[in-house]
Amino acid sequence: MNRNGRITLVIGLVAVVLMAFRLSWNALSDVARAIGADPTAALLYPIVIDGLMALALVATLVLTGPDRKFALRVLAAYTIASLLLNYVHGLVPALPARRSSGAD
């Protein structure tokens, strides 16, 4: 693949990762608050889950051999974790952190 093709691929990949991260942010933060995380931890929780997933994706693209296989396993594990947490978030109509304090 030529240089322009690689640059386009990387830009596209970064754009998709950023969109996925944004879509997942609220769900992961809500889940963190629902399990009792303080505001700082709830802020960092999505960064850890989806950030490690993004790092594993980059590692998968640049590593070879056994290191690449390890990066693929990490990518799969964090992808599954993110999807499951987003799924659980969707199952619960109103997590404790999202309930309004006023009368509805």
C-alpha atoms as a PDB file:
ATOM      1  CA  MET A   1       0.000   0.000   0.000  1.00  0.00           C
ATOM      2  CA  ASN A   2       1.332   3.428  -0.872  1.00  0.00           C
ATOM      3  CA  ARG A   3       1.910   6.192   1.653  1.00  0.00           C
ATOM      4  CA  ASN A   4      -1.280   8.132   0.840  1.00  0.00           C
ATOM      5  CA  GLY A   5      -3.331   4.962   1.240  1.00  0.00           C
ATOM      6  CA  ARG A   6      -1.807   4.291   4.654  1.00  0.00           C
ATOM      7  CA  ILE A   7      -2.400   7.860   5.796  1.00  0.00           C
ATOM      8  CA  THR A   8      -6.028   7.665   4.664  1.00  0.00           C
ATOM      9  CA  LEU A   9      -6.460   4.345   6.456  1.00  0.00           C
ATOM     10  CA  VAL A  10      -4.990   5.706   9.697  1.00  0.00           C
ATOM     11  CA  ILE A  11      -7.160   8.846   9.551  1.00  0.00           C
ATOM     12  CA  GLY A  12     -10.251   6.715   8.957  1.00  0.00           C
ATOM     13  CA  LEU A  13      -9.314   4.384  11.789  1.00  0.00           C
ATOM     14  CA  VAL A  14      -8.754   7.263  14.207  1.00  0.00           C
ATOM     15  CA  ALA A  15     -12.097   8.810  13.207  1.00  0.00           C
ATOM     16  CA  VAL A  16     -13.991   5.557  13.817  1.00  0.00           C
ATOM     17  CA  VAL A  17     -12.229   4.951  17.149  1.00  0.00           C
ATOM     18  CA  LEU A  18     -13.076   8.480  18.314  1.00  0.00           C
ATOM     19  CA  MET A  19     -16.739   8.083  17.303  1.00  0.00           C
ATOM     20  CA  ALA A  20     -16.987   4.717  19.058  1.00  0.00           C
ATOM     21  CA  PHE A  21     -15.313   6.161  22.152  1.00  0.00           C
ATOM     22  CA  ARG A  22     -17.827   9.017  22.238  1.00  0.00           C
ATOM     23  CA  LEU A  23     -20.798   6.685  21.823  1.00  0.00           C
ATOM     24  CA  SER A  24     -19.559   4.489  24.648  1.00  0.00           C
ATOM     25  CA  TRP A  25     -18.606   7.320  27.036  1.00  0.00           C
ATOM     26  CA  ASN A  26     -21.963   7.958  28.742  1.00  0.00           C
ATOM     27  CA  ALA A  27     -22.762   4.285  29.208  1.00  0.00           C
ATOM     28  CA  LEU A  28     -19.404   3.466  30.779  1.00  0.00           C
ATOM     29  CA  SER A  29     -19.511   6.548  33.015  1.00  0.00           C
ATOM     30  CA  ASP A  30     -23.044   5.688  34.144  1.00  0.00           C
ATOM     31  CA  VAL A  31     -22.050   2.109  34.923  1.00  0.00           C
ATOM     32  CA  ALA A  32     -19.059   3.343  36.934  1.00  0.00           C
ATOM     33  CA  ARG A  33     -21.270   5.696  38.972  1.00  0.00           C
ATOM     34  CA  ALA A  34     -23.872   2.948  39.462  1.00  0.00           C
ATOM     35  CA  ILE A  35     -21.262   0.680  41.044  1.00  0.00           C
ATOM     36  CA  GLY A  36     -20.225   3.446  43.439  1.00  0.00           C
ATOM     37  CA  ALA A  37     -17.316   5.137  41.673  1.00  0.00           C
ATOM     38  CA  ASP A  38     -16.552   8.703  42.688  1.00  0.00           C
ATOM     39  CA  PRO A  39     -16.776  11.422  39.986  1.00  0.00           C
ATOM     40  CA  THR A  40     -13.073  11.210  39.107  1.00  0.00           C
ATOM     41  CA  ALA A  41     -13.165   7.438  38.751  1.00  0.00           C
ATOM     42  CA  ALA A  42     -16.344   7.675  36.662  1.00  0.00           C
ATOM     43  CA  LEU A  43     -14.501  10.113  34.399  1.00  0.00           C
ATOM     44  CA  LEU A  44     -11.488   7.812  34.038  1.00  0.00           C
ATOM     45  CA  TYR A  45     -13.423   4.541  33.674  1.00  0.00           C
ATOM     46  CA  PRO A  46     -14.294   4.990  29.955  1.00  0.00           C
ATOM     47  CA  ILE A  47     -10.752   6.140  29.218  1.00  0.00           C
ATOM     48  CA  VAL A  48      -9.327   2.969  30.733  1.00  0.00           C
ATOM     49  CA  ILE A  49     -11.738   0.558  29.032  1.00  0.00           C
ATOM     50  CA  ASP A  50     -11.885   2.133  25.578  1.00  0.00           C
ATOM     51  CA  GLY A  51      -8.400   3.625  25.770  1.00  0.00           C
ATOM     52  CA  LEU A  52      -6.812   0.230  26.323  1.00  0.00           C
ATOM     53  CA  MET A  53      -8.921  -1.114  23.482  1.00  0.00           C
ATOM     54  CA  ALA A  54      -7.585   1.631  21.181  1.00  0.00           C
ATOM     55  CA  LEU A  55      -3.993   0.982  22.287  1.00  0.00           C
ATOM     56  CA  ALA A  56      -4.421  -2.740  21.641  1.00  0.00           C
ATOM     57  CA  LEU A  57      -5.732  -1.930  18.163  1.00  0.00           C
ATOM     58  CA  VAL A  58      -2.643   0.144  17.400  1.00  0.00           C
ATOM     59  CA  ALA A  59      -0.412  -2.594  18.834  1.00  0.00           C
ATOM     60  CA  THR A  60      -2.155  -5.159  16.642  1.00  0.00           C
ATOM     61  CA  LEU A  61      -1.374  -3.054  13.584  1.00  0.00           C
ATOM     62  CA  VAL A  62       2.309  -2.513  14.340  1.00  0.00           C
ATOM     63  CA  LEU A  63       3.447  -5.710  16.091  1.00  0.00           C
ATOM     64  CA  THR A  64       4.189  -9.099  14.572  1.00  0.00           C
ATOM     65  CA  GLY A  65       4.399 -12.706  15.725  1.00  0.00           C
ATOM     66  CA  PRO A  66       3.517 -13.630  19.315  1.00  0.00           C
ATOM     67  CA  ASP A  67       3.327  -9.976  20.346  1.00  0.00           C
ATOM     68  CA  ARG A  68       0.621  -9.377  17.752  1.00  0.00           C
ATOM     69  CA  LYS A  69      -1.331 -12.394  18.991  1.00  0.00           C
ATOM     70  CA  PHE A  70      -1.166 -11.030  22.534  1.00  0.00           C
ATOM     71  CA  ALA A  71      -2.342  -7.598  21.334  1.00  0.00           C
ATOM     72  CA  LEU A  72      -5.245  -9.284  19.512  1.00  0.00           C
ATOM     73  CA  ARG A  73      -6.254 -11.068  22.724  1.00  0.00           C
ATOM     74  CA  VAL A  74      -6.154  -7.809  24.670  1.00  0.00           C
ATOM     75  CA  LEU A  75      -8.153  -6.104  21.919  1.00  0.00           C
ATOM     76  CA  ALA A  76     -10.753  -8.877  21.978  1.00  0.00           C
ATOM     77  CA  ALA A  77     -11.001  -8.837  25.788  1.00  0.00           C
ATOM     78  CA  TYR A  78     -11.479  -5.071  26.074  1.00  0.00           C
ATOM     79  CA  THR A  79     -13.860  -4.987  23.112  1.00  0.00           C
ATOM     80  CA  ILE A  80     -16.007  -7.653  24.780  1.00  0.00           C
ATOM     81  CA  ALA A  81     -15.833  -5.796  28.110  1.00  0.00           C
ATOM     82  CA  SER A  82     -16.905  -2.517  26.498  1.00  0.00           C
ATOM     83  CA  LEU A  83     -19.733  -4.162  24.573  1.00  0.00           C
ATOM     84  CA  LEU A  84     -20.993  -6.012  27.650  1.00  0.00           C
ATOM     85  CA  LEU A  85     -20.921  -2.890  29.805  1.00  0.00           C
ATOM     86  CA  ASN A  86     -22.756  -0.924  27.118  1.00  0.00           C
ATOM     87  CA  TYR A  87     -25.288  -3.765  26.852  1.00  0.00           C
ATOM     88  CA  VAL A  88     -25.846  -3.835  30.623  1.00  0.00           C
ATOM     89  CA  HIS A  89     -26.287  -0.083  30.572  1.00  0.00           C
ATOM     90  CA  GLY A  90     -29.000  -0.475  27.958  1.00  0.00           C
ATOM     91  CA  LEU A  91     -30.806  -3.150  29.985  1.00  0.00           C
ATOM     92  CA  VAL A  92     -31.260  -0.974  33.038  1.00  0.00           C
ATOM     93  CA  PRO A  93     -33.813   1.768  32.300  1.00  0.00           C
ATOM     94  CA  ALA A  94     -32.564   4.109  35.006  1.00  0.00           C
ATOM     95  CA  LEU A  95     -29.282   3.522  36.751  1.00  0.00           C
ATOM     96  CA  PRO A  96     -29.039   5.139  40.207  1.00  0.00           C
ATOM     97  CA  ALA A  97     -26.694   7.859  38.956  1.00  0.00           C
ATOM     98  CA  ARG A  98     -29.200   8.908  36.277  1.00  0.00           C
ATOM     99  CA  ARG A  99     -32.322   9.138  38.454  1.00  0.00           C
ATOM    100  CA  SER A 100     -33.597  12.630  38.902  1.00  0.00           C
ATOM    101  CA  SER A 101     -33.752  14.002  42.413  1.00  0.00           C
ATOM    102  CA  GLY A 102     -36.966  15.914  41.797  1.00  0.00           C
ATOM    103  CA  ALA A 103     -40.512  14.676  41.435  1.00  0.00           C
ATOM    104  CA  ASP A 104     -41.389  13.353  37.992  1.00  0.00           C
END
